[in-house]
């Protein structure tokens, strides 16, 4: 069975949500977890990927991100 891009993004969201629920402390994701997202952004554009990613993540994961995000230069 061939998965659609939306299904792949939802699976990534599920994996990210599962990581959020694990008691293991992780400073930040990288490499294995982030590269597929960058590949999808390159292929489909950031707007489409962000929409799918944000609609796939649970509210707790998004809230956690917003609390930790630091966009100051």
PDB file of N, CA and C in Angstrom:
ATOM      1  N   UNK A   1       0.832  -1.180   0.000  1.00  0.00           N
ATOM      2  CA  UNK A   1       0.000   0.000   0.000  1.00  0.00           C
ATOM      3  C   UNK A   1       0.882   1.250   0.000  1.00  0.00           C
ATOM      4  N   UNK A   2       0.606   2.158  -0.880  1.00  0.00           N
ATOM      5  CA  UNK A   2       1.340   3.410  -0.968  1.00  0.00           C
ATOM      6  C   UNK A   2       0.612   4.449  -0.117  1.00  0.00           C
ATOM      7  N   UNK A   3       1.356   5.097   0.775  1.00  0.00           N
ATOM      8  CA  UNK A   3       0.764   6.099   1.661  1.00  0.00           C
ATOM      9  C   UNK A   3       0.809   7.466   1.007  1.00  0.00           C
ATOM     10  N   UNK A   4      -0.210   8.268   1.275  1.00  0.00           N
ATOM     11  CA  UNK A   4      -0.224   9.636   0.774  1.00  0.00           C
ATOM     12  C   UNK A   4       0.687  10.494   1.629  1.00  0.00           C
ATOM     13  N   UNK A   5       1.033  11.656   1.124  1.00  0.00           N
ATOM     14  CA  UNK A   5       1.867  12.584   1.893  1.00  0.00           C
ATOM     15  C   UNK A   5       1.175  12.963   3.200  1.00  0.00           C
ATOM     16  N   UNK A   6      -0.132  13.165   3.153  1.00  0.00           N
ATOM     17  CA  UNK A   6      -0.875  13.527   4.368  1.00  0.00           C
ATOM     18  C   UNK A   6      -0.785  12.405   5.405  1.00  0.00           C
ATOM     19  N   UNK A   7      -0.869  11.155   4.974  1.00  0.00           N
ATOM     20  CA  UNK A   7      -0.754  10.026   5.908  1.00  0.00           C
ATOM     21  C   UNK A   7       0.646   9.967   6.525  1.00  0.00           C
ATOM     22  N   UNK A   8       1.670  10.230   5.704  1.00  0.00           N
ATOM     23  CA  UNK A   8       3.036  10.234   6.213  1.00  0.00           C
ATOM     24  C   UNK A   8       3.231  11.344   7.242  1.00  0.00           C
ATOM     25  N   UNK A   9       2.677  12.517   6.966  1.00  0.00           N
ATOM     26  CA  UNK A   9       2.797  13.639   7.901  1.00  0.00           C
ATOM     27  C   UNK A   9       2.044  13.325   9.190  1.00  0.00           C
ATOM     28  N   UNK A  10       0.865  12.721   9.081  1.00  0.00           N
ATOM     29  CA  UNK A  10       0.111  12.350  10.280  1.00  0.00           C
ATOM     30  C   UNK A  10       0.889  11.344  11.123  1.00  0.00           C
ATOM     31  N   UNK A  11       1.542  10.395  10.472  1.00  0.00           N
ATOM     32  CA  UNK A  11       2.363   9.429  11.197  1.00  0.00           C
ATOM     33  C   UNK A  11       3.513  10.122  11.920  1.00  0.00           C
ATOM     34  N   UNK A  12       4.128  11.107  11.267  1.00  0.00           N
ATOM     35  CA  UNK A  12       5.190  11.868  11.925  1.00  0.00           C
ATOM     36  C   UNK A  12       4.635  12.610  13.135  1.00  0.00           C
ATOM     37  N   UNK A  13       3.435  13.168  12.986  1.00  0.00           N
ATOM     38  CA  UNK A  13       2.791  13.841  14.107  1.00  0.00           C
ATOM     39  C   UNK A  13       2.528  12.881  15.249  1.00  0.00           C
ATOM     40  N   UNK A  14       2.090  11.666  14.922  1.00  0.00           N
ATOM     41  CA  UNK A  14       1.859  10.650  15.955  1.00  0.00           C
ATOM     42  C   UNK A  14       3.160  10.302  16.666  1.00  0.00           C
ATOM     43  N   UNK A  15       4.241  10.182  15.886  1.00  0.00           N
ATOM     44  CA  UNK A  15       5.533   9.875  16.499  1.00  0.00           C
ATOM     45  C   UNK A  15       5.993  11.005  17.416  1.00  0.00           C
ATOM     46  N   UNK A  16       5.777  12.243  16.961  1.00  0.00           N
ATOM     47  CA  UNK A  16       6.153  13.381  17.795  1.00  0.00           C
ATOM     48  C   UNK A  16       5.311  13.416  19.065  1.00  0.00           C
ATOM     49  N   UNK A  17       4.029  13.125  18.941  1.00  0.00           N
ATOM     50  CA  UNK A  17       3.158  13.084  20.118  1.00  0.00           C
ATOM     51  C   UNK A  17       3.590  11.990  21.076  1.00  0.00           C
ATOM     52  N   UNK A  18       3.966  10.836  20.548  1.00  0.00           N
ATOM     53  CA  UNK A  18       4.433   9.736  21.393  1.00  0.00           C
ATOM     54  C   UNK A  18       5.715  10.129  22.116  1.00  0.00           C
ATOM     55  N   UNK A  19       6.601  10.833  21.428  1.00  0.00           N
ATOM     56  CA  UNK A  19       7.829  11.296  22.079  1.00  0.00           C
ATOM     57  C   UNK A  19       7.511  12.256  23.216  1.00  0.00           C
ATOM     58  N   UNK A  20       6.510  13.085  23.005  1.00  0.00           N
ATOM     59  CA  UNK A  20       6.114  14.047  24.035  1.00  0.00           C
ATOM     60  C   UNK A  20       5.649  13.317  25.292  1.00  0.00           C
ATOM     61  N   UNK A  21       4.982  12.185  25.131  1.00  0.00           N
ATOM     62  CA  UNK A  21       4.442  11.425  26.252  1.00  0.00           C
ATOM     63  C   UNK A  21       5.485  10.568  26.964  1.00  0.00           C
ATOM     64  N   UNK A  22       6.640  10.348  26.347  1.00  0.00           N
ATOM     65  CA  UNK A  22       7.681   9.532  26.969  1.00  0.00           C
ATOM     66  C   UNK A  22       8.360  10.315  28.081  1.00  0.00           C
ATOM     67  N   UNK A  23       8.730   9.645  29.172  1.00  0.00           N
ATOM     68  CA  UNK A  23       9.376  10.338  30.282  1.00  0.00           C
ATOM     69  C   UNK A  23      10.843  10.693  30.029  1.00  0.00           C
ATOM     70  N   UNK A  24      11.383  10.300  28.890  1.00  0.00           N
ATOM     71  CA  UNK A  24      12.777  10.574  28.556  1.00  0.00           C
ATOM     72  C   UNK A  24      12.934  12.062  28.226  1.00  0.00           C
ATOM     73  N   UNK A  25      13.907  12.706  28.836  1.00  0.00           N
ATOM     74  CA  UNK A  25      14.155  14.120  28.572  1.00  0.00           C
ATOM     75  C   UNK A  25      14.934  14.266  27.264  1.00  0.00           C
ATOM     76  N   UNK A  26      14.402  15.067  26.361  1.00  0.00           N
ATOM     77  CA  UNK A  26      15.043  15.324  25.079  1.00  0.00           C
ATOM     78  C   UNK A  26      15.120  16.827  24.897  1.00  0.00           C
ATOM     79  N   UNK A  27      16.322  17.337  24.683  1.00  0.00           N
ATOM     80  CA  UNK A  27      16.477  18.781  24.511  1.00  0.00           C
ATOM     81  C   UNK A  27      15.831  19.261  23.215  1.00  0.00           C
ATOM     82  N   UNK A  28      16.114  18.581  22.134  1.00  0.00           N
ATOM     83  CA  UNK A  28      15.512  18.945  20.863  1.00  0.00           C
ATOM     84  C   UNK A  28      15.616  17.774  19.891  1.00  0.00           C
ATOM     85  N   UNK A  29      14.704  17.761  18.941  1.00  0.00           N
ATOM     86  CA  UNK A  29      14.733  16.719  17.924  1.00  0.00           C
ATOM     87  C   UNK A  29      15.755  17.108  16.857  1.00  0.00           C
ATOM     88  N   UNK A  30      16.237  16.117  16.157  1.00  0.00           N
ATOM     89  CA  UNK A  30      17.170  16.402  15.086  1.00  0.00           C
ATOM     90  C   UNK A  30      17.345  15.193  14.203  1.00  0.00           C
ATOM     91  N   UNK A  31      17.985  15.405  13.079  1.00  0.00           N
ATOM     92  CA  UNK A  31      18.342  14.316  12.181  1.00  0.00           C
ATOM     93  C   UNK A  31      17.205  13.404  11.785  1.00  0.00           C
ATOM     94  N   UNK A  32      17.146  12.243  12.428  1.00  0.00           N
ATOM     95  CA  UNK A  32      16.172  11.205  12.095  1.00  0.00           C
ATOM     96  C   UNK A  32      14.741  11.742  12.110  1.00  0.00           C
ATOM     97  N   UNK A  33      14.409  12.575  13.069  1.00  0.00           N
ATOM     98  CA  UNK A  33      13.036  13.061  13.197  1.00  0.00           C
ATOM     99  C   UNK A  33      12.760  14.295  12.349  1.00  0.00           C
ATOM    100  N   UNK A  34      13.755  15.131  12.160  1.00  0.00           N
ATOM    101  CA  UNK A  34      13.497  16.379  11.457  1.00  0.00           C
ATOM    102  C   UNK A  34      13.733  16.321   9.952  1.00  0.00           C
ATOM    103  N   UNK A  35      14.647  15.506   9.502  1.00  0.00           N
ATOM    104  CA  UNK A  35      14.971  15.490   8.073  1.00  0.00           C
ATOM    105  C   UNK A  35      13.772  15.169   7.187  1.00  0.00           C
ATOM    106  N   UNK A  36      12.915  14.198   7.541  1.00  0.00           N
ATOM    107  CA  UNK A  36      11.749  13.958   6.687  1.00  0.00           C
ATOM    108  C   UNK A  36      10.823  15.175   6.568  1.00  0.00           C
ATOM    109  N   UNK A  37      10.754  15.965   7.633  1.00  0.00           N
ATOM    110  CA  UNK A  37       9.932  17.182   7.584  1.00  0.00           C
ATOM    111  C   UNK A  37      10.556  18.183   6.619  1.00  0.00           C
ATOM    112  N   UNK A  38      11.858  18.375   6.712  1.00  0.00           N
ATOM    113  CA  UNK A  38      12.532  19.276   5.782  1.00  0.00           C
ATOM    114  C   UNK A  38      12.387  18.802   4.336  1.00  0.00           C
ATOM    115  N   UNK A  39      12.441  17.499   4.128  1.00  0.00           N
ATOM    116  CA  UNK A  39      12.255  16.947   2.783  1.00  0.00           C
ATOM    117  C   UNK A  39      10.857  17.251   2.253  1.00  0.00           C
ATOM    118  N   UNK A  40       9.845  17.110   3.118  1.00  0.00           N
ATOM    119  CA  UNK A  40       8.474  17.422   2.702  1.00  0.00           C
ATOM    120  C   UNK A  40       8.305  18.906   2.415  1.00  0.00           C
ATOM    121  N   UNK A  41       8.940  19.762   3.213  1.00  0.00           N
ATOM    122  CA  UNK A  41       8.871  21.209   2.973  1.00  0.00           C
ATOM    123  C   UNK A  41       9.478  21.530   1.616  1.00  0.00           C
ATOM    124  N   UNK A  42      10.617  20.923   1.325  1.00  0.00           N
ATOM    125  CA  UNK A  42      11.267  21.159   0.033  1.00  0.00           C
ATOM    126  C   UNK A  42      10.376  20.711  -1.124  1.00  0.00           C
ATOM    127  N   UNK A  43       9.685  19.594  -0.935  1.00  0.00           N
ATOM    128  CA  UNK A  43       8.857  19.030  -2.002  1.00  0.00           C
ATOM    129  C   UNK A  43       7.508  19.736  -2.150  1.00  0.00           C
ATOM    130  N   UNK A  44       6.865  20.103  -1.013  1.00  0.00           N
ATOM    131  CA  UNK A  44       5.484  20.600  -1.065  1.00  0.00           C
ATOM    132  C   UNK A  44       5.298  22.039  -0.617  1.00  0.00           C
ATOM    133  N   UNK A  45       6.310  22.639  -0.049  1.00  0.00           N
ATOM    134  CA  UNK A  45       6.193  24.009   0.446  1.00  0.00           C
ATOM    135  C   UNK A  45       5.830  24.034   1.925  1.00  0.00           C
ATOM    136  N   UNK A  46       6.301  25.062   2.591  1.00  0.00           N
ATOM    137  CA  UNK A  46       6.146  25.129   4.035  1.00  0.00           C
ATOM    138  C   UNK A  46       4.690  25.294   4.473  1.00  0.00           C
ATOM    139  N   UNK A  47       3.886  26.038   3.714  1.00  0.00           N
ATOM    140  CA  UNK A  47       2.499  26.263   4.115  1.00  0.00           C
ATOM    141  C   UNK A  47       1.723  24.952   4.196  1.00  0.00           C
ATOM    142  N   UNK A  48       1.853  24.119   3.186  1.00  0.00           N
ATOM    143  CA  UNK A  48       1.121  22.857   3.157  1.00  0.00           C
ATOM    144  C   UNK A  48       1.601  21.912   4.258  1.00  0.00           C
ATOM    145  N   UNK A  49       2.915  21.829   4.445  1.00  0.00           N
ATOM    146  CA  UNK A  49       3.465  20.938   5.466  1.00  0.00           C
ATOM    147  C   UNK A  49       3.072  21.415   6.857  1.00  0.00           C
ATOM    148  N   UNK A  50       3.182  22.717   7.119  1.00  0.00           N
ATOM    149  CA  UNK A  50       2.808  23.241   8.431  1.00  0.00           C
ATOM    150  C   UNK A  50       1.336  23.000   8.720  1.00  0.00           C
ATOM    151  N   UNK A  51       0.485  23.171   7.729  1.00  0.00           N
ATOM    152  CA  UNK A  51      -0.944  22.912   7.934  1.00  0.00           C
ATOM    153  C   UNK A  51      -1.179  21.453   8.341  1.00  0.00           C
ATOM    154  N   UNK A  52      -0.589  20.534   7.606  1.00  0.00           N
ATOM    155  CA  UNK A  52      -0.766  19.113   7.920  1.00  0.00           C
ATOM    156  C   UNK A  52      -0.167  18.763   9.277  1.00  0.00           C
ATOM    157  N   UNK A  53       1.006  19.296   9.550  1.00  0.00           N
ATOM    158  CA  UNK A  53       1.672  19.008  10.811  1.00  0.00           C
ATOM    159  C   UNK A  53       0.855  19.534  11.992  1.00  0.00           C
ATOM    160  N   UNK A  54       0.416  20.781  11.907  1.00  0.00           N
ATOM    161  CA  UNK A  54      -0.324  21.374  13.015  1.00  0.00           C
ATOM    162  C   UNK A  54      -1.701  20.743  13.217  1.00  0.00           C
ATOM    163  N   UNK A  55      -2.327  20.283  12.154  1.00  0.00           N
ATOM    164  CA  UNK A  55      -3.629  19.628  12.325  1.00  0.00           C
ATOM    165  C   UNK A  55      -3.470  18.184  12.769  1.00  0.00           C
ATOM    166  N   UNK A  56      -2.240  17.667  12.727  1.00  0.00           N
ATOM    167  CA  UNK A  56      -1.991  16.292  13.149  1.00  0.00           C
ATOM    168  C   UNK A  56      -1.510  16.195  14.600  1.00  0.00           C
ATOM    169  N   UNK A  57      -0.854  17.233  15.087  1.00  0.00           N
ATOM    170  CA  UNK A  57      -0.337  17.210  16.454  1.00  0.00           C
ATOM    171  C   UNK A  57      -1.461  17.428  17.457  1.00  0.00           C
ATOM    172  N   UNK A  58      -1.309  16.817  18.636  1.00  0.00           N
ATOM    173  CA  UNK A  58      -2.316  17.075  19.667  1.00  0.00           C
ATOM    174  C   UNK A  58      -2.039  18.429  20.314  1.00  0.00           C
ATOM    175  N   UNK A  59      -3.041  18.956  20.986  1.00  0.00           N
ATOM    176  CA  UNK A  59      -2.946  20.289  21.570  1.00  0.00           C
ATOM    177  C   UNK A  59      -1.812  20.392  22.579  1.00  0.00           C
ATOM    178  N   UNK A  60      -1.543  19.329  23.340  1.00  0.00           N
ATOM    179  CA  UNK A  60      -0.468  19.365  24.335  1.00  0.00           C
ATOM    180  C   UNK A  60       0.897  19.541  23.685  1.00  0.00           C
ATOM    181  N   UNK A  61       1.125  18.884  22.562  1.00  0.00           N
ATOM    182  CA  UNK A  61       2.408  19.015  21.872  1.00  0.00           C
ATOM    183  C   UNK A  61       2.592  20.432  21.346  1.00  0.00           C
ATOM    184  N   UNK A  62       1.533  21.006  20.802  1.00  0.00           N
ATOM    185  CA  UNK A  62       1.605  22.376  20.289  1.00  0.00           C
ATOM    186  C   UNK A  62       1.828  23.350  21.443  1.00  0.00           C
ATOM    187  N   UNK A  63       1.100  23.171  22.538  1.00  0.00           N
ATOM    188  CA  UNK A  63       1.249  24.039  23.698  1.00  0.00           C
ATOM    189  C   UNK A  63       2.669  23.954  24.267  1.00  0.00           C
ATOM    190  N   UNK A  64       3.209  22.751  24.340  1.00  0.00           N
ATOM    191  CA  UNK A  64       4.566  22.560  24.829  1.00  0.00           C
ATOM    192  C   UNK A  64       5.568  23.283  23.935  1.00  0.00           C
ATOM    193  N   UNK A  65       5.384  23.178  22.626  1.00  0.00           N
ATOM    194  CA  UNK A  65       6.262  23.872  21.692  1.00  0.00           C
ATOM    195  C   UNK A  65       6.211  25.378  21.914  1.00  0.00           C
ATOM    196  N   UNK A  66       5.005  25.921  22.034  1.00  0.00           N
ATOM    197  CA  UNK A  66       4.864  27.360  22.202  1.00  0.00           C
ATOM    198  C   UNK A  66       5.530  27.856  23.483  1.00  0.00           C
ATOM    199  N   UNK A  67       5.497  27.039  24.531  1.00  0.00           N
ATOM    200  CA  UNK A  67       6.138  27.420  25.785  1.00  0.00           C
ATOM    201  C   UNK A  67       7.658  27.405  25.667  1.00  0.00           C
ATOM    202  N   UNK A  68       8.207  26.496  24.854  1.00  0.00           N
ATOM    203  CA  UNK A  68       9.655  26.351  24.728  1.00  0.00           C
ATOM    204  C   UNK A  68      10.259  27.155  23.594  1.00  0.00           C
ATOM    205  N   UNK A  69       9.451  27.593  22.645  1.00  0.00           N
ATOM    206  CA  UNK A  69       9.975  28.281  21.450  1.00  0.00           C
ATOM    207  C   UNK A  69      10.669  29.575  21.822  1.00  0.00           C
ATOM    208  N   UNK A  70      11.798  29.806  21.190  1.00  0.00           N
ATOM    209  CA  UNK A  70      12.559  31.014  21.408  1.00  0.00           C
ATOM    210  C   UNK A  70      12.972  31.557  20.047  1.00  0.00           C
ATOM    211  N   UNK A  71      12.291  32.590  19.591  1.00  0.00           N
ATOM    212  CA  UNK A  71      12.566  33.145  18.268  1.00  0.00           C
ATOM    213  C   UNK A  71      13.359  34.457  18.323  1.00  0.00           C
ATOM    214  N   UNK A  72      13.904  34.753  19.507  1.00  0.00           N
ATOM    215  CA  UNK A  72      14.722  35.949  19.628  1.00  0.00           C
ATOM    216  C   UNK A  72      16.089  35.689  19.014  1.00  0.00           C
ATOM    217  N   UNK A  73      16.614  36.687  18.345  1.00  0.00           N
ATOM    218  CA  UNK A  73      17.926  36.542  17.694  1.00  0.00           C
ATOM    219  C   UNK A  73      19.000  36.534  18.673  1.00  0.00           C
TER     220      UNK A  73
END
